[in-house]
Amino acid sequence: MSIYNCPHCGKKTFNPIKKAFAGQLNSRGKVCMECGRRCVNGKGATVFNAVYSVVIFALIVIIYLNAPKTAGTAYDWIDKYEWYINFGLVISYMIIPKLVNAFFFRLEPAIRSEY
């Protein structure tokens, strides 16, 4: 079930799974089944991925540095679940951008040249 249009030929050739793995502007992208040209998620997807990566990295560092200091305070539970929280953040770093790319950003022609 293809529901997204190719920016080159205009035909509906991309489904959400294929669009999720098309990547951002710096990737090779996915090939359109009709015209054979490559498509990627646009600038919005690239900006979202960059911002989300920075936020996740900052949260991991903050939790890693502050978890031992919370022992005996109201945030005592952070010390016990520090590794689980960081593991969840890393997993969300791999899953959330793909889900957002699959449904919220439009496809654009790939600008990366492959020789």
N, C-alpha and C. Protein backbone atom coordinates (compact mmCIF):
# COMPACT_ATOMS: atom_id res chain seq x y z
N MET A 1 0.84 -1.17 0.00
CA MET A 1 0.00 0.00 0.00
C MET A 1 0.89 1.24 0.00
N SER A 2 1.06 1.83 -1.14
CA SER A 2 1.89 3.02 -1.27
C SER A 2 1.02 4.25 -1.11
N ILE A 3 1.42 5.13 -0.20
CA ILE A 3 0.60 6.32 0.06
C ILE A 3 1.38 7.62 -0.11
N TYR A 4 2.68 7.53 -0.41
CA TYR A 4 3.49 8.75 -0.56
C TYR A 4 3.97 8.89 -1.99
N ASN A 5 3.94 10.11 -2.50
CA ASN A 5 4.33 10.39 -3.88
C ASN A 5 5.83 10.56 -4.01
N CYS A 6 6.36 10.07 -5.11
CA CYS A 6 7.76 10.30 -5.45
C CYS A 6 7.90 11.75 -5.91
N PRO A 7 8.92 12.49 -5.44
CA PRO A 7 9.07 13.88 -5.86
C PRO A 7 9.53 14.01 -7.32
N HIS A 8 10.04 12.93 -7.91
CA HIS A 8 10.51 12.99 -9.30
C HIS A 8 9.37 12.75 -10.29
N CYS A 9 8.68 11.61 -10.13
CA CYS A 9 7.64 11.25 -11.11
C CYS A 9 6.23 11.55 -10.63
N GLY A 10 6.03 11.76 -9.33
CA GLY A 10 4.71 12.11 -8.80
C GLY A 10 3.78 10.94 -8.56
N LYS A 11 4.27 9.71 -8.75
CA LYS A 11 3.42 8.53 -8.54
C LYS A 11 3.56 8.03 -7.11
N LYS A 12 2.52 7.40 -6.62
CA LYS A 12 2.52 6.86 -5.25
C LYS A 12 3.29 5.54 -5.23
N THR A 13 4.57 5.62 -4.83
CA THR A 13 5.42 4.43 -4.84
C THR A 13 6.09 4.16 -3.50
N PHE A 14 5.84 4.98 -2.50
CA PHE A 14 6.49 4.80 -1.20
C PHE A 14 5.46 4.49 -0.13
N ASN A 15 5.73 3.46 0.66
CA ASN A 15 4.90 3.15 1.83
C ASN A 15 5.61 3.69 3.07
N PRO A 16 4.96 3.70 4.23
CA PRO A 16 5.59 4.27 5.43
C PRO A 16 6.89 3.58 5.83
N ILE A 17 6.99 2.28 5.65
CA ILE A 17 8.22 1.58 6.04
C ILE A 17 9.37 1.98 5.14
N LYS A 18 9.13 2.02 3.86
CA LYS A 18 10.18 2.42 2.92
C LYS A 18 10.59 3.88 3.14
N LYS A 19 9.60 4.72 3.44
CA LYS A 19 9.87 6.14 3.70
C LYS A 19 10.66 6.32 5.00
N ALA A 20 10.38 5.48 6.01
CA ALA A 20 11.09 5.58 7.28
C ALA A 20 12.58 5.32 7.11
N PHE A 21 12.93 4.42 6.20
CA PHE A 21 14.34 4.07 5.99
C PHE A 21 14.97 4.82 4.82
N ALA A 22 14.29 5.84 4.29
CA ALA A 22 14.86 6.63 3.20
C ALA A 22 16.02 7.49 3.69
N GLY A 23 16.00 7.89 4.95
CA GLY A 23 17.09 8.66 5.51
C GLY A 23 16.93 10.16 5.31
N GLN A 24 17.93 10.90 5.80
CA GLN A 24 17.92 12.35 5.68
C GLN A 24 18.72 12.77 4.46
N LEU A 25 18.94 14.07 4.34
CA LEU A 25 19.60 14.62 3.16
C LEU A 25 21.01 14.09 2.93
N ASN A 26 21.70 13.64 3.97
CA ASN A 26 23.07 13.17 3.80
C ASN A 26 23.15 11.68 3.45
N SER A 27 22.01 11.00 3.30
CA SER A 27 22.01 9.57 3.00
C SER A 27 21.76 9.33 1.51
N ARG A 28 21.90 8.08 1.11
CA ARG A 28 21.69 7.72 -0.29
C ARG A 28 20.22 7.76 -0.66
N GLY A 29 19.34 7.44 0.29
CA GLY A 29 17.92 7.44 0.02
C GLY A 29 17.44 6.10 -0.51
N LYS A 30 16.19 6.07 -0.88
CA LYS A 30 15.57 4.86 -1.44
C LYS A 30 15.18 5.12 -2.88
N VAL A 31 15.20 4.06 -3.67
CA VAL A 31 14.91 4.16 -5.09
C VAL A 31 13.41 4.06 -5.33
N CYS A 32 12.90 4.93 -6.18
CA CYS A 32 11.50 4.89 -6.60
C CYS A 32 11.34 3.71 -7.56
N MET A 33 10.28 2.94 -7.38
CA MET A 33 10.05 1.77 -8.21
C MET A 33 9.61 2.14 -9.63
N GLU A 34 9.08 3.33 -9.82
CA GLU A 34 8.61 3.75 -11.14
C GLU A 34 9.72 4.38 -11.98
N CYS A 35 10.36 5.40 -11.43
CA CYS A 35 11.34 6.15 -12.22
C CYS A 35 12.79 5.75 -11.95
N GLY A 36 13.07 5.06 -10.86
CA GLY A 36 14.42 4.59 -10.57
C GLY A 36 15.34 5.64 -9.96
N ARG A 37 14.81 6.79 -9.60
CA ARG A 37 15.63 7.83 -8.98
C ARG A 37 15.51 7.76 -7.47
N ARG A 38 16.49 8.31 -6.77
CA ARG A 38 16.54 8.22 -5.31
C ARG A 38 15.81 9.38 -4.64
N CYS A 39 15.14 9.04 -3.52
CA CYS A 39 14.40 10.03 -2.74
C CYS A 39 14.80 9.91 -1.27
N VAL A 40 14.81 11.05 -0.58
CA VAL A 40 15.14 11.10 0.85
C VAL A 40 14.09 11.95 1.56
N ASN A 41 14.08 11.86 2.89
CA ASN A 41 13.25 12.78 3.67
C ASN A 41 13.91 14.15 3.64
N GLY A 42 13.14 15.19 3.75
CA GLY A 42 13.62 16.54 3.52
C GLY A 42 14.41 17.18 4.64
N LYS A 43 14.53 18.50 4.54
CA LYS A 43 15.30 19.28 5.50
C LYS A 43 14.72 19.20 6.90
N GLY A 44 13.42 19.16 7.01
CA GLY A 44 12.77 19.07 8.31
C GLY A 44 13.18 17.80 9.05
N ALA A 45 13.27 16.69 8.34
CA ALA A 45 13.69 15.43 8.95
C ALA A 45 15.14 15.50 9.40
N THR A 46 15.98 16.16 8.62
CA THR A 46 17.38 16.30 8.99
C THR A 46 17.53 17.17 10.24
N VAL A 47 16.80 18.26 10.31
CA VAL A 47 16.85 19.14 11.48
C VAL A 47 16.30 18.41 12.71
N PHE A 48 15.17 17.71 12.55
CA PHE A 48 14.60 16.97 13.67
C PHE A 48 15.58 15.93 14.19
N ASN A 49 16.22 15.19 13.30
CA ASN A 49 17.17 14.17 13.73
C ASN A 49 18.35 14.78 14.47
N ALA A 50 18.85 15.91 14.00
CA ALA A 50 19.98 16.57 14.66
C ALA A 50 19.59 17.07 16.05
N VAL A 51 18.44 17.72 16.16
CA VAL A 51 18.00 18.24 17.45
C VAL A 51 17.71 17.09 18.41
N TYR A 52 17.04 16.06 17.95
CA TYR A 52 16.70 14.92 18.81
C TYR A 52 17.97 14.22 19.29
N SER A 53 18.97 14.09 18.43
CA SER A 53 20.23 13.46 18.82
C SER A 53 20.94 14.26 19.91
N VAL A 54 20.96 15.57 19.77
CA VAL A 54 21.61 16.42 20.77
C VAL A 54 20.88 16.35 22.11
N VAL A 55 19.55 16.36 22.07
CA VAL A 55 18.76 16.29 23.31
C VAL A 55 18.98 14.95 24.01
N ILE A 56 18.96 13.85 23.26
CA ILE A 56 19.17 12.53 23.86
C ILE A 56 20.57 12.43 24.44
N PHE A 57 21.57 12.92 23.73
CA PHE A 57 22.94 12.88 24.25
C PHE A 57 23.06 13.70 25.53
N ALA A 58 22.45 14.87 25.55
CA ALA A 58 22.50 15.71 26.75
C ALA A 58 21.82 15.03 27.93
N LEU A 59 20.67 14.40 27.70
CA LEU A 59 19.97 13.69 28.78
C LEU A 59 20.80 12.53 29.32
N ILE A 60 21.45 11.79 28.44
CA ILE A 60 22.28 10.68 28.89
C ILE A 60 23.42 11.18 29.75
N VAL A 61 24.07 12.25 29.33
CA VAL A 61 25.19 12.80 30.11
C VAL A 61 24.70 13.35 31.45
N ILE A 62 23.58 14.05 31.46
CA ILE A 62 23.04 14.62 32.71
C ILE A 62 22.67 13.51 33.69
N ILE A 63 22.00 12.48 33.20
CA ILE A 63 21.62 11.38 34.09
C ILE A 63 22.85 10.64 34.59
N TYR A 64 23.82 10.42 33.73
CA TYR A 64 25.03 9.72 34.15
C TYR A 64 25.80 10.50 35.22
N LEU A 65 25.88 11.81 35.07
CA LEU A 65 26.64 12.61 36.02
C LEU A 65 25.88 12.89 37.32
N ASN A 66 24.57 13.01 37.27
CA ASN A 66 23.80 13.39 38.44
C ASN A 66 23.17 12.24 39.21
N ALA A 67 23.13 11.05 38.66
CA ALA A 67 22.47 9.94 39.35
C ALA A 67 23.13 9.59 40.69
N PRO A 68 24.45 9.53 40.79
CA PRO A 68 25.02 9.21 42.10
C PRO A 68 24.78 10.29 43.16
N LYS A 69 24.56 11.52 42.74
CA LYS A 69 24.35 12.62 43.68
C LYS A 69 22.94 12.62 44.26
N THR A 70 22.02 11.87 43.66
CA THR A 70 20.63 11.90 44.10
C THR A 70 20.35 10.91 45.22
N ALA A 71 21.34 10.14 45.64
CA ALA A 71 21.12 9.16 46.70
C ALA A 71 20.73 9.89 47.99
N GLY A 72 19.64 9.45 48.60
CA GLY A 72 19.16 10.05 49.84
C GLY A 72 18.28 11.26 49.64
N THR A 73 17.92 11.59 48.40
CA THR A 73 17.04 12.72 48.12
C THR A 73 15.70 12.20 47.60
N ALA A 74 14.86 13.11 47.18
CA ALA A 74 13.57 12.72 46.63
C ALA A 74 13.72 12.00 45.29
N TYR A 75 14.86 12.19 44.62
CA TYR A 75 15.11 11.54 43.34
C TYR A 75 15.99 10.31 43.50
N ASP A 76 15.84 9.61 44.58
CA ASP A 76 16.66 8.44 44.88
C ASP A 76 16.47 7.33 43.84
N TRP A 77 15.33 7.26 43.21
CA TRP A 77 15.04 6.21 42.25
C TRP A 77 15.91 6.31 41.00
N ILE A 78 16.41 7.51 40.68
CA ILE A 78 17.25 7.68 39.49
C ILE A 78 18.54 6.88 39.63
N ASP A 79 19.10 6.83 40.82
CA ASP A 79 20.34 6.10 41.04
C ASP A 79 20.14 4.60 40.79
N LYS A 80 18.99 4.08 41.17
CA LYS A 80 18.74 2.64 41.01
C LYS A 80 18.47 2.26 39.56
N TYR A 81 17.87 3.15 38.78
CA TYR A 81 17.46 2.83 37.41
C TYR A 81 18.25 3.59 36.35
N GLU A 82 19.43 4.04 36.71
CA GLU A 82 20.23 4.87 35.79
C GLU A 82 20.51 4.16 34.47
N TRP A 83 20.98 2.93 34.53
CA TRP A 83 21.34 2.22 33.31
C TRP A 83 20.11 1.89 32.46
N TYR A 84 19.00 1.60 33.10
CA TYR A 84 17.77 1.32 32.35
C TYR A 84 17.25 2.57 31.64
N ILE A 85 17.35 3.70 32.31
CA ILE A 85 16.92 4.96 31.69
C ILE A 85 17.81 5.29 30.50
N ASN A 86 19.11 5.15 30.67
CA ASN A 86 20.03 5.44 29.56
C ASN A 86 19.83 4.46 28.41
N PHE A 87 19.59 3.19 28.72
CA PHE A 87 19.33 2.20 27.67
C PHE A 87 18.05 2.56 26.91
N GLY A 88 17.02 2.97 27.63
CA GLY A 88 15.78 3.40 26.99
C GLY A 88 15.98 4.63 26.11
N LEU A 89 16.82 5.55 26.54
CA LEU A 89 17.11 6.73 25.72
C LEU A 89 17.84 6.35 24.43
N VAL A 90 18.77 5.41 24.53
CA VAL A 90 19.49 4.97 23.33
C VAL A 90 18.54 4.26 22.36
N ILE A 91 17.67 3.42 22.89
CA ILE A 91 16.69 2.74 22.04
C ILE A 91 15.75 3.77 21.39
N SER A 92 15.32 4.77 22.15
CA SER A 92 14.45 5.80 21.56
C SER A 92 15.19 6.60 20.50
N TYR A 93 16.50 6.76 20.64
CA TYR A 93 17.31 7.44 19.63
C TYR A 93 17.27 6.68 18.30
N MET A 94 17.13 5.36 18.36
CA MET A 94 17.10 4.57 17.14
C MET A 94 15.69 4.45 16.55
N ILE A 95 14.66 4.54 17.37
CA ILE A 95 13.30 4.26 16.90
C ILE A 95 12.51 5.53 16.57
N ILE A 96 12.53 6.53 17.44
CA ILE A 96 11.68 7.72 17.28
C ILE A 96 11.94 8.47 15.97
N PRO A 97 13.19 8.74 15.57
CA PRO A 97 13.38 9.44 14.30
C PRO A 97 12.83 8.68 13.10
N LYS A 98 12.90 7.35 13.12
CA LYS A 98 12.34 6.57 12.01
C LYS A 98 10.82 6.70 11.96
N LEU A 99 10.17 6.64 13.13
CA LEU A 99 8.72 6.81 13.16
C LEU A 99 8.29 8.19 12.69
N VAL A 100 9.02 9.20 13.11
CA VAL A 100 8.69 10.57 12.70
C VAL A 100 8.93 10.74 11.21
N ASN A 101 10.02 10.18 10.69
CA ASN A 101 10.29 10.27 9.26
C ASN A 101 9.21 9.56 8.44
N ALA A 102 8.69 8.46 8.97
CA ALA A 102 7.70 7.69 8.23
C ALA A 102 6.39 8.44 8.03
N PHE A 103 6.02 9.32 8.95
CA PHE A 103 4.69 9.91 8.89
C PHE A 103 4.62 11.43 8.78
N PHE A 104 5.68 12.16 9.12
CA PHE A 104 5.53 13.60 9.24
C PHE A 104 6.28 14.46 8.22
N PHE A 105 7.31 13.96 7.58
CA PHE A 105 8.09 14.80 6.67
C PHE A 105 7.89 14.34 5.23
N ARG A 106 8.02 15.27 4.30
CA ARG A 106 7.79 14.93 2.90
C ARG A 106 9.08 14.44 2.26
N LEU A 107 8.91 13.72 1.17
CA LEU A 107 10.05 13.23 0.41
C LEU A 107 10.59 14.32 -0.50
N GLU A 108 11.90 14.30 -0.70
CA GLU A 108 12.56 15.23 -1.60
C GLU A 108 13.56 14.45 -2.45
N PRO A 109 13.95 15.00 -3.57
CA PRO A 109 14.98 14.32 -4.38
C PRO A 109 16.31 14.27 -3.63
N ALA A 110 17.01 13.17 -3.79
CA ALA A 110 18.32 13.02 -3.14
C ALA A 110 19.32 13.96 -3.82
N ILE A 111 20.10 14.68 -3.00
CA ILE A 111 21.08 15.60 -3.56
C ILE A 111 22.50 15.04 -3.52
N ARG A 112 22.65 13.92 -2.85
CA ARG A 112 23.97 13.27 -2.77
C ARG A 112 24.24 12.56 -4.09
N SER A 113 25.39 12.81 -4.66
CA SER A 113 25.73 12.19 -5.94
C SER A 113 26.59 10.96 -5.68
N GLU A 114 26.20 9.86 -6.29
CA GLU A 114 26.91 8.59 -6.15
C GLU A 114 27.58 8.27 -7.48
N TYR A 115 28.87 8.09 -7.44
CA TYR A 115 29.59 7.74 -8.68
C TYR A 115 30.09 6.33 -8.62
